Amino acid sequence: MPDPVSWFVVKRGWEVVGSDESKLGTVEEVLGDQELDIFDGLSVATGVLGKPRYVPAELVQEIVEGGVHLSIGQDEADRLDEYHAPRV
């Protein structure tokens, strides 16, 4: 199994996997403040037409090169809130 890595290196397109080993989607955006080292969570693309979902940091169980593993499975991930990017 790959070694854990920091949230700083997570890239768009990395695979997001549930605790039940289901592929939940891919990282769309990493949410946080790098200067203050505050990881807020992820925006996860769930499919071609699916709306991105907000995954709070506390649901991220492990980050390894190329993938993010969550502490929830597919059923719980389906109930996550839709992600709405902040307006600037």
N, C-alpha and C. Protein backbone atom coordinates (compact mmCIF):
# COMPACT_ATOMS: atom_id res chain seq x y z
N MET A 1 0.85 -1.18 0.00
CA MET A 1 0.00 0.00 0.00
C MET A 1 0.90 1.25 0.00
N PRO A 2 0.53 2.27 -0.78
CA PRO A 2 1.34 3.49 -0.83
C PRO A 2 1.36 4.22 0.51
N ASP A 3 2.42 5.00 0.71
CA ASP A 3 2.55 5.79 1.93
C ASP A 3 1.60 6.98 1.90
N PRO A 4 1.10 7.39 3.06
CA PRO A 4 0.24 8.57 3.14
C PRO A 4 1.00 9.83 2.69
N VAL A 5 0.25 10.77 2.13
CA VAL A 5 0.81 12.06 1.72
C VAL A 5 -0.05 13.18 2.28
N SER A 6 0.48 14.38 2.24
CA SER A 6 -0.21 15.56 2.75
C SER A 6 -1.34 16.00 1.81
N TRP A 7 -2.31 16.70 2.37
CA TRP A 7 -3.40 17.25 1.57
C TRP A 7 -2.87 18.29 0.59
N PHE A 8 -1.71 18.85 0.84
CA PHE A 8 -1.10 19.85 -0.04
C PHE A 8 -0.83 19.31 -1.44
N VAL A 9 -0.62 18.01 -1.57
CA VAL A 9 -0.25 17.44 -2.87
C VAL A 9 -1.42 16.85 -3.65
N VAL A 10 -2.61 16.87 -3.09
CA VAL A 10 -3.78 16.33 -3.77
C VAL A 10 -4.05 17.15 -5.03
N LYS A 11 -4.32 16.45 -6.13
CA LYS A 11 -4.55 17.09 -7.42
C LYS A 11 -5.94 16.75 -7.96
N ARG A 12 -6.44 17.64 -8.78
CA ARG A 12 -7.70 17.39 -9.49
C ARG A 12 -7.56 16.09 -10.28
N GLY A 13 -8.59 15.27 -10.21
CA GLY A 13 -8.59 14.00 -10.93
C GLY A 13 -8.20 12.80 -10.10
N TRP A 14 -7.65 13.02 -8.88
CA TRP A 14 -7.32 11.88 -8.04
C TRP A 14 -8.60 11.12 -7.69
N GLU A 15 -8.49 9.82 -7.61
CA GLU A 15 -9.63 8.95 -7.30
C GLU A 15 -10.05 9.09 -5.83
N VAL A 16 -11.36 9.10 -5.61
CA VAL A 16 -11.91 9.12 -4.25
C VAL A 16 -12.62 7.79 -4.03
N VAL A 17 -12.21 7.08 -2.97
CA VAL A 17 -12.70 5.74 -2.69
C VAL A 17 -13.37 5.70 -1.33
N GLY A 18 -14.49 4.98 -1.25
CA GLY A 18 -15.23 4.86 0.00
C GLY A 18 -14.70 3.75 0.88
N SER A 19 -15.18 3.71 2.11
CA SER A 19 -14.76 2.68 3.07
C SER A 19 -15.17 1.29 2.62
N ASP A 20 -16.15 1.22 1.73
CA ASP A 20 -16.60 -0.06 1.17
C ASP A 20 -15.86 -0.39 -0.13
N GLU A 21 -14.78 0.36 -0.42
CA GLU A 21 -13.94 0.20 -1.60
C GLU A 21 -14.63 0.63 -2.91
N SER A 22 -15.77 1.29 -2.81
CA SER A 22 -16.45 1.78 -4.02
C SER A 22 -15.77 3.06 -4.50
N LYS A 23 -15.69 3.21 -5.83
CA LYS A 23 -15.15 4.43 -6.40
C LYS A 23 -16.26 5.48 -6.37
N LEU A 24 -16.03 6.53 -5.59
CA LEU A 24 -17.06 7.55 -5.38
C LEU A 24 -16.96 8.70 -6.36
N GLY A 25 -15.82 8.87 -6.98
CA GLY A 25 -15.63 9.95 -7.93
C GLY A 25 -14.18 10.37 -7.98
N THR A 26 -13.97 11.62 -8.41
CA THR A 26 -12.62 12.16 -8.49
C THR A 26 -12.59 13.54 -7.85
N VAL A 27 -11.42 13.90 -7.37
CA VAL A 27 -11.24 15.22 -6.77
C VAL A 27 -11.45 16.29 -7.83
N GLU A 28 -12.32 17.21 -7.55
CA GLU A 28 -12.56 18.36 -8.41
C GLU A 28 -11.75 19.55 -7.90
N GLU A 29 -11.77 19.74 -6.58
CA GLU A 29 -11.08 20.88 -5.97
C GLU A 29 -10.73 20.54 -4.53
N VAL A 30 -9.56 20.99 -4.09
CA VAL A 30 -9.13 20.86 -2.70
C VAL A 30 -9.49 22.16 -2.00
N LEU A 31 -10.16 22.06 -0.85
CA LEU A 31 -10.66 23.23 -0.14
C LEU A 31 -9.90 23.43 1.15
N GLY A 32 -9.31 24.60 1.31
CA GLY A 32 -8.57 24.89 2.51
C GLY A 32 -7.70 26.11 2.34
N ASP A 33 -6.93 26.40 3.36
CA ASP A 33 -6.02 27.53 3.36
C ASP A 33 -4.61 26.99 3.55
N GLN A 34 -3.83 26.95 2.46
CA GLN A 34 -2.49 26.38 2.55
C GLN A 34 -1.57 27.20 3.44
N GLU A 35 -1.72 28.51 3.44
CA GLU A 35 -0.85 29.35 4.27
C GLU A 35 -1.02 29.04 5.76
N LEU A 36 -2.26 28.75 6.17
CA LEU A 36 -2.54 28.45 7.58
C LEU A 36 -2.58 26.94 7.85
N ASP A 37 -2.38 26.13 6.80
CA ASP A 37 -2.44 24.67 6.89
C ASP A 37 -3.77 24.21 7.48
N ILE A 38 -4.85 24.74 6.92
CA ILE A 38 -6.20 24.35 7.33
C ILE A 38 -6.87 23.64 6.17
N PHE A 39 -7.08 22.34 6.32
CA PHE A 39 -7.74 21.52 5.30
C PHE A 39 -9.22 21.46 5.63
N ASP A 40 -10.06 22.02 4.74
CA ASP A 40 -11.49 22.07 4.98
C ASP A 40 -12.22 20.87 4.37
N GLY A 41 -11.73 20.38 3.24
CA GLY A 41 -12.38 19.25 2.61
C GLY A 41 -12.12 19.22 1.11
N LEU A 42 -13.03 18.54 0.40
CA LEU A 42 -12.88 18.35 -1.04
C LEU A 42 -14.19 18.59 -1.76
N SER A 43 -14.09 19.02 -2.98
CA SER A 43 -15.21 18.98 -3.91
C SER A 43 -14.94 17.74 -4.77
N VAL A 44 -15.91 16.83 -4.82
CA VAL A 44 -15.72 15.57 -5.53
C VAL A 44 -16.71 15.46 -6.68
N ALA A 45 -16.18 15.30 -7.89
CA ALA A 45 -17.02 15.07 -9.06
C ALA A 45 -17.48 13.62 -9.01
N THR A 46 -18.80 13.44 -9.12
CA THR A 46 -19.36 12.10 -8.94
C THR A 46 -19.76 11.42 -10.23
N GLY A 47 -19.57 12.04 -11.36
CA GLY A 47 -19.89 11.43 -12.64
C GLY A 47 -19.96 12.47 -13.72
N VAL A 48 -20.22 12.02 -14.94
CA VAL A 48 -20.24 12.94 -16.08
C VAL A 48 -21.26 14.04 -15.89
N LEU A 49 -22.45 13.69 -15.45
CA LEU A 49 -23.51 14.69 -15.27
C LEU A 49 -23.82 14.98 -13.81
N GLY A 50 -23.17 14.25 -12.91
CA GLY A 50 -23.43 14.44 -11.49
C GLY A 50 -22.88 15.75 -10.97
N LYS A 51 -23.58 16.31 -10.02
CA LYS A 51 -23.13 17.55 -9.37
C LYS A 51 -22.01 17.21 -8.41
N PRO A 52 -21.02 18.11 -8.29
CA PRO A 52 -19.95 17.87 -7.31
C PRO A 52 -20.52 17.83 -5.90
N ARG A 53 -19.93 16.99 -5.06
CA ARG A 53 -20.34 16.85 -3.66
C ARG A 53 -19.27 17.42 -2.75
N TYR A 54 -19.70 17.98 -1.63
CA TYR A 54 -18.77 18.50 -0.63
C TYR A 54 -18.45 17.39 0.35
N VAL A 55 -17.16 17.07 0.48
CA VAL A 55 -16.69 16.08 1.44
C VAL A 55 -15.90 16.83 2.52
N PRO A 56 -16.45 16.96 3.73
CA PRO A 56 -15.71 17.64 4.79
C PRO A 56 -14.45 16.87 5.19
N ALA A 57 -13.44 17.60 5.64
CA ALA A 57 -12.15 17.01 5.98
C ALA A 57 -12.27 15.86 6.97
N GLU A 58 -13.21 15.94 7.90
CA GLU A 58 -13.31 14.89 8.92
C GLU A 58 -13.74 13.53 8.35
N LEU A 59 -14.21 13.50 7.10
CA LEU A 59 -14.57 12.23 6.46
C LEU A 59 -13.42 11.63 5.65
N VAL A 60 -12.32 12.37 5.54
CA VAL A 60 -11.14 11.87 4.82
C VAL A 60 -10.33 11.02 5.78
N GLN A 61 -10.26 9.74 5.47
CA GLN A 61 -9.57 8.80 6.34
C GLN A 61 -8.07 8.75 6.02
N GLU A 62 -7.74 8.77 4.73
CA GLU A 62 -6.34 8.66 4.34
C GLU A 62 -6.15 9.26 2.95
N ILE A 63 -4.98 9.88 2.75
CA ILE A 63 -4.61 10.40 1.44
C ILE A 63 -3.30 9.72 1.06
N VAL A 64 -3.31 9.06 -0.10
CA VAL A 64 -2.10 8.44 -0.63
C VAL A 64 -1.91 8.97 -2.05
N GLU A 65 -0.72 8.80 -2.60
CA GLU A 65 -0.43 9.29 -3.94
C GLU A 65 -1.48 8.78 -4.93
N GLY A 66 -2.23 9.70 -5.52
CA GLY A 66 -3.23 9.35 -6.52
C GLY A 66 -4.61 9.04 -6.00
N GLY A 67 -4.81 9.02 -4.68
CA GLY A 67 -6.12 8.65 -4.17
C GLY A 67 -6.43 9.17 -2.78
N VAL A 68 -7.72 9.35 -2.56
CA VAL A 68 -8.23 9.80 -1.26
C VAL A 68 -9.22 8.74 -0.78
N HIS A 69 -9.03 8.27 0.44
CA HIS A 69 -9.91 7.24 1.01
C HIS A 69 -10.77 7.89 2.10
N LEU A 70 -12.07 7.66 2.00
CA LEU A 70 -13.01 8.24 2.96
C LEU A 70 -13.43 7.22 4.01
N SER A 71 -13.97 7.72 5.10
CA SER A 71 -14.45 6.86 6.19
C SER A 71 -15.91 6.48 6.01
N ILE A 72 -16.50 6.84 4.88
CA ILE A 72 -17.90 6.51 4.59
C ILE A 72 -17.97 5.72 3.28
N GLY A 73 -19.06 4.98 3.13
CA GLY A 73 -19.26 4.20 1.92
C GLY A 73 -20.16 4.91 0.92
N GLN A 74 -20.52 4.20 -0.13
CA GLN A 74 -21.32 4.74 -1.22
C GLN A 74 -22.66 5.30 -0.75
N ASP A 75 -23.37 4.57 0.11
CA ASP A 75 -24.69 5.02 0.56
C ASP A 75 -24.62 6.38 1.25
N GLU A 76 -23.65 6.52 2.14
CA GLU A 76 -23.50 7.79 2.86
C GLU A 76 -23.00 8.89 1.93
N ALA A 77 -22.13 8.55 1.00
CA ALA A 77 -21.60 9.53 0.05
C ALA A 77 -22.70 10.08 -0.84
N ASP A 78 -23.67 9.24 -1.17
CA ASP A 78 -24.79 9.69 -2.00
C ASP A 78 -25.63 10.75 -1.30
N ARG A 79 -25.53 10.83 0.02
CA ARG A 79 -26.31 11.80 0.79
C ARG A 79 -25.53 13.07 1.13
N LEU A 80 -24.28 13.16 0.69
CA LEU A 80 -23.50 14.37 0.94
C LEU A 80 -24.10 15.56 0.20
N ASP A 81 -23.90 16.74 0.76
CA ASP A 81 -24.42 17.96 0.15
C ASP A 81 -23.72 18.25 -1.16
N GLU A 82 -24.47 18.87 -2.05
CA GLU A 82 -23.89 19.35 -3.30
C GLU A 82 -22.93 20.48 -2.99
N TYR A 83 -21.82 20.54 -3.72
CA TYR A 83 -20.84 21.61 -3.48
C TYR A 83 -21.18 22.82 -4.34
N HIS A 84 -21.21 23.96 -3.70
CA HIS A 84 -21.42 25.25 -4.40
C HIS A 84 -20.19 26.10 -4.15
N ALA A 85 -19.46 26.40 -5.21
CA ALA A 85 -18.26 27.23 -5.07
C ALA A 85 -18.64 28.61 -4.56
N PRO A 86 -17.83 29.16 -3.67
CA PRO A 86 -18.12 30.52 -3.17
C PRO A 86 -18.05 31.53 -4.30
N ARG A 87 -18.93 32.48 -4.24
CA ARG A 87 -18.92 33.55 -5.25
C ARG A 87 -17.92 34.61 -4.84
N VAL A 88 -17.16 35.06 -5.80
CA VAL A 88 -16.17 36.11 -5.51
C VAL A 88 -16.49 37.38 -6.27
